[in-house]
Amino acid sequence: MKNKSIGSNWTDVRKEIFTDEEISASNMRVAVINEFISARKEKGISQKELEKLSGVKQPVIARLETGNVSPQVDTLLKLLASVGKTLAVVPMNKKLQKV
């Protein structure tokens, strides 16, 4: 019996495994984390320095930046404030909504 492949590329596989809502949520998480990482690097702040500024432990910051955890909102707000950023609730970007 042959194994049936569910897709020839990640986009196809992702559509088979996840709902549109899950994909959209994942895309938003990635966008927020990427903005945070960019802001930290633009400020020239290491993860260890950010730990001192924010009170969030460096291993937590590392796991967040690698995508191994979904941060709690209060943790994310502490980190963003430490790099001069915040979250805003705004209409969704059509690009993030597309799958």
PDB file of N, CA and C in Angstrom:
ATOM      1  N   MET A   1       0.838  -1.166   0.000  1.00  0.00           N
ATOM      2  CA  MET A   1       0.000   0.000   0.000  1.00  0.00           C
ATOM      3  C   MET A   1       0.896   1.247   0.000  1.00  0.00           C
ATOM      4  N   LYS A   2       0.613   2.168  -0.906  1.00  0.00           N
ATOM      5  CA  LYS A   2       1.398   3.401  -1.009  1.00  0.00           C
ATOM      6  C   LYS A   2       0.887   4.439  -0.024  1.00  0.00           C
ATOM      7  N   ASN A   3       1.836   5.227   0.531  1.00  0.00           N
ATOM      8  CA  ASN A   3       1.448   6.368   1.364  1.00  0.00           C
ATOM      9  C   ASN A   3       1.022   7.498   0.455  1.00  0.00           C
ATOM     10  N   LYS A   4      -0.097   8.090   0.750  1.00  0.00           N
ATOM     11  CA  LYS A   4      -0.591   9.194  -0.058  1.00  0.00           C
ATOM     12  C   LYS A   4      -0.077  10.507   0.519  1.00  0.00           C
ATOM     13  N   SER A   5       0.593  11.269  -0.306  1.00  0.00           N
ATOM     14  CA  SER A   5       1.115  12.563   0.114  1.00  0.00           C
ATOM     15  C   SER A   5      -0.039  13.556   0.179  1.00  0.00           C
ATOM     16  N   ILE A   6      -0.003  14.445   1.179  1.00  0.00           N
ATOM     17  CA  ILE A   6      -1.078  15.429   1.295  1.00  0.00           C
ATOM     18  C   ILE A   6      -0.736  16.755   0.631  1.00  0.00           C
ATOM     19  N   GLY A   7       0.451  16.843   0.052  1.00  0.00           N
ATOM     20  CA  GLY A   7       0.799  18.072  -0.640  1.00  0.00           C
ATOM     21  C   GLY A   7       2.225  18.020  -1.136  1.00  0.00           C
ATOM     22  N   SER A   8       2.475  18.774  -2.174  1.00  0.00           N
ATOM     23  CA  SER A   8       3.817  18.772  -2.743  1.00  0.00           C
ATOM     24  C   SER A   8       4.674  19.910  -2.213  1.00  0.00           C
ATOM     25  N   ASN A   9       4.052  20.829  -1.459  1.00  0.00           N
ATOM     26  CA  ASN A   9       4.815  21.930  -0.873  1.00  0.00           C
ATOM     27  C   ASN A   9       4.145  22.344   0.434  1.00  0.00           C
ATOM     28  N   TRP A  10       4.845  23.197   1.205  1.00  0.00           N
ATOM     29  CA  TRP A  10       4.349  23.580   2.525  1.00  0.00           C
ATOM     30  C   TRP A  10       3.000  24.280   2.444  1.00  0.00           C
ATOM     31  N   THR A  11       2.781  25.117   1.441  1.00  0.00           N
ATOM     32  CA  THR A  11       1.511  25.831   1.315  1.00  0.00           C
ATOM     33  C   THR A  11       0.350  24.845   1.189  1.00  0.00           C
ATOM     34  N   ASP A  12       0.521  23.820   0.355  1.00  0.00           N
ATOM     35  CA  ASP A  12      -0.525  22.807   0.193  1.00  0.00           C
ATOM     36  C   ASP A  12      -0.744  22.021   1.485  1.00  0.00           C
ATOM     37  N   VAL A  13       0.352  21.613   2.107  1.00  0.00           N
ATOM     38  CA  VAL A  13       0.263  20.835   3.345  1.00  0.00           C
ATOM     39  C   VAL A  13      -0.430  21.652   4.424  1.00  0.00           C
ATOM     40  N   ARG A  14      -0.031  22.914   4.550  1.00  0.00           N
ATOM     41  CA  ARG A  14      -0.611  23.794   5.569  1.00  0.00           C
ATOM     42  C   ARG A  14      -2.121  23.930   5.383  1.00  0.00           C
ATOM     43  N   LYS A  15      -2.567  24.049   4.129  1.00  0.00           N
ATOM     44  CA  LYS A  15      -4.007  24.178   3.862  1.00  0.00           C
ATOM     45  C   LYS A  15      -4.769  22.901   4.188  1.00  0.00           C
ATOM     46  N   GLU A  16      -4.095  21.756   4.069  1.00  0.00           N
ATOM     47  CA  GLU A  16      -4.730  20.480   4.394  1.00  0.00           C
ATOM     48  C   GLU A  16      -4.845  20.273   5.901  1.00  0.00           C
ATOM     49  N   ILE A  17      -3.856  20.767   6.644  1.00  0.00           N
ATOM     50  CA  ILE A  17      -3.779  20.496   8.082  1.00  0.00           C
ATOM     51  C   ILE A  17      -4.503  21.545   8.916  1.00  0.00           C
ATOM     52  N   PHE A  18      -4.393  22.823   8.523  1.00  0.00           N
ATOM     53  CA  PHE A  18      -4.890  23.924   9.340  1.00  0.00           C
ATOM     54  C   PHE A  18      -6.075  24.626   8.692  1.00  0.00           C
ATOM     55  N   THR A  19      -6.912  25.209   9.524  1.00  0.00           N
ATOM     56  CA  THR A  19      -8.033  26.004   9.011  1.00  0.00           C
ATOM     57  C   THR A  19      -7.500  27.370   8.578  1.00  0.00           C
ATOM     58  N   ASP A  20      -8.297  28.092   7.807  1.00  0.00           N
ATOM     59  CA  ASP A  20      -7.918  29.441   7.390  1.00  0.00           C
ATOM     60  C   ASP A  20      -7.683  30.340   8.600  1.00  0.00           C
ATOM     61  N   GLU A  21      -8.497  30.161   9.638  1.00  0.00           N
ATOM     62  CA  GLU A  21      -8.347  30.968  10.849  1.00  0.00           C
ATOM     63  C   GLU A  21      -7.034  30.673  11.556  1.00  0.00           C
ATOM     64  N   GLU A  22      -6.648  29.402  11.609  1.00  0.00           N
ATOM     65  CA  GLU A  22      -5.376  29.031  12.243  1.00  0.00           C
ATOM     66  C   GLU A  22      -4.194  29.586  11.453  1.00  0.00           C
ATOM     67  N   ILE A  23      -4.281  29.537  10.152  1.00  0.00           N
ATOM     68  CA  ILE A  23      -3.214  30.076   9.301  1.00  0.00           C
ATOM     69  C   ILE A  23      -3.110  31.583   9.480  1.00  0.00           C
ATOM     70  N   SER A  24      -4.237  32.263   9.512  1.00  0.00           N
ATOM     71  CA  SER A  24      -4.249  33.713   9.710  1.00  0.00           C
ATOM     72  C   SER A  24      -3.646  34.085  11.063  1.00  0.00           C
ATOM     73  N   ALA A  25      -4.014  33.350  12.103  1.00  0.00           N
ATOM     74  CA  ALA A  25      -3.468  33.610  13.441  1.00  0.00           C
ATOM     75  C   ALA A  25      -1.962  33.380  13.464  1.00  0.00           C
ATOM     76  N   SER A  26      -1.517  32.334  12.815  1.00  0.00           N
ATOM     77  CA  SER A  26      -0.084  32.050  12.743  1.00  0.00           C
ATOM     78  C   SER A  26       0.652  33.170  11.996  1.00  0.00           C
ATOM     79  N   ASN A  27       0.076  33.617  10.894  1.00  0.00           N
ATOM     80  CA  ASN A  27       0.691  34.710  10.128  1.00  0.00           C
ATOM     81  C   ASN A  27       0.810  35.979  10.968  1.00  0.00           C
ATOM     82  N   MET A  28      -0.213  36.264  11.763  1.00  0.00           N
ATOM     83  CA  MET A  28      -0.168  37.454  12.621  1.00  0.00           C
ATOM     84  C   MET A  28       0.887  37.321  13.704  1.00  0.00           C
ATOM     85  N   ARG A  29       0.976  36.122  14.320  1.00  0.00           N
ATOM     86  CA  ARG A  29       2.004  35.886  15.345  1.00  0.00           C
ATOM     87  C   ARG A  29       3.395  36.100  14.765  1.00  0.00           C
ATOM     88  N   VAL A  30       3.632  35.550  13.587  1.00  0.00           N
ATOM     89  CA  VAL A  30       4.934  35.687  12.935  1.00  0.00           C
ATOM     90  C   VAL A  30       5.233  37.153  12.641  1.00  0.00           C
ATOM     91  N   ALA A  31       4.249  37.892  12.152  1.00  0.00           N
ATOM     92  CA  ALA A  31       4.453  39.309  11.844  1.00  0.00           C
ATOM     93  C   ALA A  31       4.795  40.107  13.103  1.00  0.00           C
ATOM     94  N   VAL A  32       4.085  39.855  14.202  1.00  0.00           N
ATOM     95  CA  VAL A  32       4.340  40.581  15.455  1.00  0.00           C
ATOM     96  C   VAL A  32       5.733  40.250  15.984  1.00  0.00           C
ATOM     97  N   ILE A  33       6.082  38.969  15.999  1.00  0.00           N
ATOM     98  CA  ILE A  33       7.389  38.563  16.513  1.00  0.00           C
ATOM     99  C   ILE A  33       8.503  39.135  15.644  1.00  0.00           C
ATOM    100  N   ASN A  34       8.319  39.108  14.329  1.00  0.00           N
ATOM    101  CA  ASN A  34       9.336  39.683  13.437  1.00  0.00           C
ATOM    102  C   ASN A  34       9.522  41.172  13.681  1.00  0.00           C
ATOM    103  N   GLU A  35       8.438  41.897  13.907  1.00  0.00           N
ATOM    104  CA  GLU A  35       8.533  43.331  14.214  1.00  0.00           C
ATOM    105  C   GLU A  35       9.270  43.554  15.526  1.00  0.00           C
ATOM    106  N   PHE A  36       8.970  42.725  16.517  1.00  0.00           N
ATOM    107  CA  PHE A  36       9.651  42.825  17.806  1.00  0.00           C
ATOM    108  C   PHE A  36      11.151  42.578  17.644  1.00  0.00           C
ATOM    109  N   ILE A  37      11.523  41.510  16.939  1.00  0.00           N
ATOM    110  CA  ILE A  37      12.939  41.182  16.739  1.00  0.00           C
ATOM    111  C   ILE A  37      13.643  42.324  16.012  1.00  0.00           C
ATOM    112  N   SER A  38      13.007  42.854  14.980  1.00  0.00           N
ATOM    113  CA  SER A  38      13.593  43.976  14.238  1.00  0.00           C
ATOM    114  C   SER A  38      13.810  45.189  15.142  1.00  0.00           C
ATOM    115  N   ALA A  39      12.827  45.490  15.974  1.00  0.00           N
ATOM    116  CA  ALA A  39      12.937  46.640  16.888  1.00  0.00           C
ATOM    117  C   ALA A  39      14.074  46.425  17.882  1.00  0.00           C
ATOM    118  N   ARG A  40      14.193  45.208  18.427  1.00  0.00           N
ATOM    119  CA  ARG A  40      15.274  44.914  19.376  1.00  0.00           C
ATOM    120  C   ARG A  40      16.634  45.085  18.720  1.00  0.00           C
ATOM    121  N   LYS A  41      16.765  44.551  17.518  1.00  0.00           N
ATOM    122  CA  LYS A  41      18.047  44.637  16.806  1.00  0.00           C
ATOM    123  C   LYS A  41      18.366  46.074  16.389  1.00  0.00           C
ATOM    124  N   GLU A  42      17.343  46.824  15.970  1.00  0.00           N
ATOM    125  CA  GLU A  42      17.555  48.233  15.595  1.00  0.00           C
ATOM    126  C   GLU A  42      18.070  49.046  16.781  1.00  0.00           C
ATOM    127  N   LYS A  43      17.603  48.701  17.986  1.00  0.00           N
ATOM    128  CA  LYS A  43      18.051  49.382  19.204  1.00  0.00           C
ATOM    129  C   LYS A  43      19.414  48.869  19.668  1.00  0.00           C
ATOM    130  N   GLY A  44      19.876  47.787  19.066  1.00  0.00           N
ATOM    131  CA  GLY A  44      21.151  47.209  19.467  1.00  0.00           C
ATOM    132  C   GLY A  44      21.123  46.572  20.843  1.00  0.00           C
ATOM    133  N   ILE A  45      19.971  46.015  21.198  1.00  0.00           N
ATOM    134  CA  ILE A  45      19.785  45.425  22.527  1.00  0.00           C
ATOM    135  C   ILE A  45      19.881  43.905  22.410  1.00  0.00           C
ATOM    136  N   SER A  46      20.756  43.319  23.221  1.00  0.00           N
ATOM    137  CA  SER A  46      20.856  41.860  23.252  1.00  0.00           C
ATOM    138  C   SER A  46      19.678  41.300  24.048  1.00  0.00           C
ATOM    139  N   GLN A  47      19.465  40.006  23.920  1.00  0.00           N
ATOM    140  CA  GLN A  47      18.406  39.375  24.709  1.00  0.00           C
ATOM    141  C   GLN A  47      18.689  39.523  26.197  1.00  0.00           C
ATOM    142  N   LYS A  48      19.938  39.411  26.606  1.00  0.00           N
ATOM    143  CA  LYS A  48      20.299  39.535  28.021  1.00  0.00           C
ATOM    144  C   LYS A  48      20.032  40.957  28.513  1.00  0.00           C
ATOM    145  N   GLU A  49      20.358  41.960  27.692  1.00  0.00           N
ATOM    146  CA  GLU A  49      20.069  43.346  28.067  1.00  0.00           C
ATOM    147  C   GLU A  49      18.561  43.573  28.158  1.00  0.00           C
ATOM    148  N   LEU A  50      17.829  42.959  27.225  1.00  0.00           N
ATOM    149  CA  LEU A  50      16.373  43.095  27.233  1.00  0.00           C
ATOM    150  C   LEU A  50      15.774  42.470  28.499  1.00  0.00           C
ATOM    151  N   GLU A  51      16.382  41.400  28.978  1.00  0.00           N
ATOM    152  CA  GLU A  51      15.944  40.793  30.231  1.00  0.00           C
ATOM    153  C   GLU A  51      16.010  41.821  31.361  1.00  0.00           C
ATOM    154  N   LYS A  52      17.110  42.570  31.432  1.00  0.00           N
ATOM    155  CA  LYS A  52      17.271  43.583  32.482  1.00  0.00           C
ATOM    156  C   LYS A  52      16.271  44.725  32.319  1.00  0.00           C
ATOM    157  N   LEU A  53      16.009  45.115  31.081  1.00  0.00           N
ATOM    158  CA  LEU A  53      15.076  46.221  30.816  1.00  0.00           C
ATOM    159  C   LEU A  53      13.622  45.846  31.072  1.00  0.00           C
ATOM    160  N   SER A  54      13.263  44.618  30.715  1.00  0.00           N
ATOM    161  CA  SER A  54      11.849  44.221  30.728  1.00  0.00           C
ATOM    162  C   SER A  54      11.443  43.377  31.931  1.00  0.00           C
ATOM    163  N   GLY A  55      12.399  42.699  32.537  1.00  0.00           N
ATOM    164  CA  GLY A  55      12.061  41.766  33.607  1.00  0.00           C
ATOM    165  C   GLY A  55      11.654  40.400  33.097  1.00  0.00           C
ATOM    166  N   VAL A  56      11.689  40.212  31.780  1.00  0.00           N
ATOM    167  CA  VAL A  56      11.358  38.917  31.165  1.00  0.00           C
ATOM    168  C   VAL A  56      12.672  38.154  30.998  1.00  0.00           C
ATOM    169  N   LYS A  57      12.732  36.931  31.495  1.00  0.00           N
ATOM    170  CA  LYS A  57      13.960  36.139  31.467  1.00  0.00           C
ATOM    171  C   LYS A  57      14.436  35.888  30.037  1.00  0.00           C
ATOM    172  N   GLN A  58      15.752  35.904  29.849  1.00  0.00           N
ATOM    173  CA  GLN A  58      16.347  35.722  28.524  1.00  0.00           C
ATOM    174  C   GLN A  58      15.913  34.425  27.844  1.00  0.00           C
ATOM    175  N   PRO A  59      15.834  33.280  28.550  1.00  0.00           N
ATOM    176  CA  PRO A  59      15.370  32.067  27.865  1.00  0.00           C
ATOM    177  C   PRO A  59      13.949  32.197  27.314  1.00  0.00           C
ATOM    178  N   VAL A  60      13.103  32.943  28.005  1.00  0.00           N
ATOM    179  CA  VAL A  60      11.731  33.174  27.521  1.00  0.00           C
ATOM    180  C   VAL A  60      11.788  34.006  26.236  1.00  0.00           C
ATOM    181  N   ILE A  61      12.642  35.025  26.233  1.00  0.00           N
ATOM    182  CA  ILE A  61      12.815  35.872  25.047  1.00  0.00           C
ATOM    183  C   ILE A  61      13.311  35.026  23.879  1.00  0.00           C
ATOM    184  N   ALA A  62      14.279  34.166  24.126  1.00  0.00           N
ATOM    185  CA  ALA A  62      14.823  33.306  23.069  1.00  0.00           C
ATOM    186  C   ALA A  62      13.752  32.379  22.508  1.00  0.00           C
ATOM    187  N   ARG A  63      12.958  31.765  23.379  1.00  0.00           N
ATOM    188  CA  ARG A  63      11.895  30.859  22.906  1.00  0.00           C
ATOM    189  C   ARG A  63      10.852  31.618  22.100  1.00  0.00           C
ATOM    190  N   LEU A  64      10.533  32.838  22.542  1.00  0.00           N
ATOM    191  CA  LEU A  64       9.569  33.663  21.820  1.00  0.00           C
ATOM    192  C   LEU A  64      10.112  34.005  20.426  1.00  0.00           C
ATOM    193  N   GLU A  65      11.380  34.406  20.363  1.00  0.00           N
ATOM    194  CA  GLU A  65      11.971  34.810  19.087  1.00  0.00           C
ATOM    195  C   GLU A  65      12.127  33.655  18.109  1.00  0.00           C
ATOM    196  N   THR A  66      12.288  32.443  18.605  1.00  0.00           N
ATOM    197  CA  THR A  66      12.410  31.292  17.708  1.00  0.00           C
ATOM    198  C   THR A  66      11.050  30.703  17.347  1.00  0.00           C
ATOM    199  N   GLY A  67       9.985  31.224  17.961  1.00  0.00           N
ATOM    200  CA  GLY A  67       8.647  30.739  17.651  1.00  0.00           C
ATOM    201  C   GLY A  67       8.268  29.493  18.411  1.00  0.00           C
ATOM    202  N   ASN A  68       9.043  29.144  19.439  1.00  0.00           N
ATOM    203  CA  ASN A  68       8.750  27.929  20.203  1.00  0.00           C
ATOM    204  C   ASN A  68       7.623  28.099  21.201  1.00  0.00           C
ATOM    205  N   VAL A  69       7.226  29.338  21.463  1.00  0.00           N
ATOM    206  CA  VAL A  69       6.105  29.598  22.365  1.00  0.00           C
ATOM    207  C   VAL A  69       5.254  30.731  21.802  1.00  0.00           C
ATOM    208  N   SER A  70       4.010  30.746  22.189  1.00  0.00           N
ATOM    209  CA  SER A  70       3.148  31.888  21.897  1.00  0.00           C
ATOM    210  C   SER A  70       3.121  32.730  23.165  1.00  0.00           C
ATOM    211  N   PRO A  71       3.598  33.966  23.069  1.00  0.00           N
ATOM    212  CA  PRO A  71       3.709  34.767  24.293  1.00  0.00           C
ATOM    213  C   PRO A  71       2.357  35.212  24.827  1.00  0.00           C
ATOM    214  N   GLN A  72       2.298  35.372  26.153  1.00  0.00           N
ATOM    215  CA  GLN A  72       1.122  35.984  26.742  1.00  0.00           C
ATOM    216  C   GLN A  72       1.168  37.471  26.408  1.00  0.00           C
ATOM    217  N   VAL A  73       0.017  38.084  26.334  1.00  0.00           N
ATOM    218  CA  VAL A  73      -0.064  39.494  25.948  1.00  0.00           C
ATOM    219  C   VAL A  73       0.750  40.376  26.893  1.00  0.00           C
ATOM    220  N   ASP A  74       0.661  40.134  28.207  1.00  0.00           N
ATOM    221  CA  ASP A  74       1.395  40.994  29.140  1.00  0.00           C
ATOM    222  C   ASP A  74       2.908  40.863  28.963  1.00  0.00           C
ATOM    223  N   THR A  75       3.388  39.659  28.638  1.00  0.00           N
ATOM    224  CA  THR A  75       4.817  39.460  28.376  1.00  0.00           C
ATOM    225  C   THR A  75       5.226  40.220  27.123  1.00  0.00           C
ATOM    226  N   LEU A  76       4.429  40.087  26.090  1.00  0.00           N
ATOM    227  CA  LEU A  76       4.728  40.782  24.842  1.00  0.00           C
ATOM    228  C   LEU A  76       4.723  42.295  25.025  1.00  0.00           C
ATOM    229  N   LEU A  77       3.775  42.800  25.793  1.00  0.00           N
ATOM    230  CA  LEU A  77       3.712  44.245  26.051  1.00  0.00           C
ATOM    231  C   LEU A  77       4.943  44.736  26.807  1.00  0.00           C
ATOM    232  N   LYS A  78       5.419  43.965  27.783  1.00  0.00           N
ATOM    233  CA  LYS A  78       6.639  44.332  28.516  1.00  0.00           C
ATOM    234  C   LYS A  78       7.829  44.411  27.570  1.00  0.00           C
ATOM    235  N   LEU A  79       7.947  43.411  26.716  1.00  0.00           N
ATOM    236  CA  LEU A  79       9.075  43.367  25.788  1.00  0.00           C
ATOM    237  C   LEU A  79       9.000  44.506  24.778  1.00  0.00           C
ATOM    238  N   LEU A  80       7.821  44.718  24.221  1.00  0.00           N
ATOM    239  CA  LEU A  80       7.666  45.787  23.234  1.00  0.00           C
ATOM    240  C   LEU A  80       7.949  47.155  23.853  1.00  0.00           C
ATOM    241  N   ALA A  81       7.450  47.391  25.056  1.00  0.00           N
ATOM    242  CA  ALA A  81       7.681  48.677  25.717  1.00  0.00           C
ATOM    243  C   ALA A  81       9.175  48.915  25.918  1.00  0.00           C
ATOM    244  N   SER A  82       9.907  47.862  26.185  1.00  0.00           N
ATOM    245  CA  SER A  82      11.345  47.976  26.419  1.00  0.00           C
ATOM    246  C   SER A  82      12.130  48.352  25.157  1.00  0.00           C
ATOM    247  N   VAL A  83      11.528  48.134  23.995  1.00  0.00           N
ATOM    248  CA  VAL A  83      12.175  48.535  22.730  1.00  0.00           C
ATOM    249  C   VAL A  83      11.447  49.709  22.078  1.00  0.00           C
ATOM    250  N   GLY A  84      10.572  50.363  22.878  1.00  0.00           N
ATOM    251  CA  GLY A  84       9.885  51.561  22.398  1.00  0.00           C
ATOM    252  C   GLY A  84       8.707  51.295  21.484  1.00  0.00           C
ATOM    253  N   LYS A  85       8.079  50.146  21.621  1.00  0.00           N
ATOM    254  CA  LYS A  85       6.932  49.774  20.777  1.00  0.00           C
ATOM    255  C   LYS A  85       5.744  49.393  21.646  1.00  0.00           C
ATOM    256  N   THR A  86       4.579  49.260  21.020  1.00  0.00           N
ATOM    257  CA  THR A  86       3.388  48.767  21.690  1.00  0.00           C
ATOM    258  C   THR A  86       2.522  48.041  20.671  1.00  0.00           C
ATOM    259  N   LEU A  87       1.466  47.444  21.131  1.00  0.00           N
ATOM    260  CA  LEU A  87       0.482  46.805  20.250  1.00  0.00           C
ATOM    261  C   LEU A  87      -0.651  47.781  19.984  1.00  0.00           C
ATOM    262  N   ALA A  88      -1.278  47.641  18.841  1.00  0.00           N
ATOM    263  CA  ALA A  88      -2.451  48.440  18.512  1.00  0.00           C
ATOM    264  C   ALA A  88      -3.483  47.528  17.864  1.00  0.00           C
ATOM    265  N   VAL A  89      -4.740  47.777  18.153  1.00  0.00           N
ATOM    266  CA  VAL A  89      -5.821  47.032  17.515  1.00  0.00           C
ATOM    267  C   VAL A  89      -6.281  47.856  16.325  1.00  0.00           C
ATOM    268  N   VAL A  90      -6.049  47.320  15.141  1.00  0.00           N
ATOM    269  CA  VAL A  90      -6.351  48.027  13.897  1.00  0.00           C
ATOM    270  C   VAL A  90      -7.002  47.055  12.917  1.00  0.00           C
ATOM    271  N   PRO A  91      -7.638  47.583  11.879  1.00  0.00           N
ATOM    272  CA  PRO A  91      -8.189  46.675  10.860  1.00  0.00           C
ATOM    273  C   PRO A  91      -7.082  45.785  10.290  1.00  0.00           C
ATOM    274  N   MET A  92      -7.436  44.552  10.002  1.00  0.00           N
ATOM    275  CA  MET A  92      -6.445  43.605   9.498  1.00  0.00           C
ATOM    276  C   MET A  92      -5.977  43.983   8.107  1.00  0.00           C
ATOM    277  N   ASN A  93      -4.692  43.785   7.877  1.00  0.00           N
ATOM    278  CA  ASN A  93      -4.070  43.960   6.576  1.00  0.00           C
ATOM    279  C   ASN A  93      -4.535  42.812   5.696  1.00  0.00           C
ATOM    280  N   LYS A  94      -5.012  43.108   4.507  1.00  0.00           N
ATOM    281  CA  LYS A  94      -5.499  42.055   3.599  1.00  0.00           C
ATOM    282  C   LYS A  94      -4.423  40.999   3.340  1.00  0.00           C
ATOM    283  N   LYS A  95      -3.164  41.414   3.287  1.00  0.00           N
ATOM    284  CA  LYS A  95      -2.072  40.485   3.033  1.00  0.00           C
ATOM    285  C   LYS A  95      -2.013  39.419   4.115  1.00  0.00           C
ATOM    286  N   LEU A  96      -2.224  39.797   5.380  1.00  0.00           N
ATOM    287  CA  LEU A  96      -2.193  38.830   6.472  1.00  0.00           C
ATOM    288  C   LEU A  96      -3.387  37.903   6.441  1.00  0.00           C
ATOM    289  N   GLN A  97      -4.518  38.373   5.899  1.00  0.00           N
ATOM    290  CA  GLN A  97      -5.733  37.560   5.859  1.00  0.00           C
ATOM    291  C   GLN A  97      -5.642  36.474   4.802  1.00  0.00           C
ATOM    292  N   LYS A  98      -4.904  36.713   3.730  1.00  0.00           N
ATOM    293  CA  LYS A  98      -4.819  35.748   2.633  1.00  0.00           C
ATOM    294  C   LYS A  98      -4.059  34.514   3.040  1.00  0.00           C
ATOM    295  N   VAL A  99      -4.480  33.405   2.478  1.00  0.00           N
ATOM    296  CA  VAL A  99      -3.806  32.134   2.725  1.00  0.00           C
ATOM    297  C   VAL A  99      -3.316  31.546   1.430  1.00  0.00           C
TER     298      VAL A  99
END
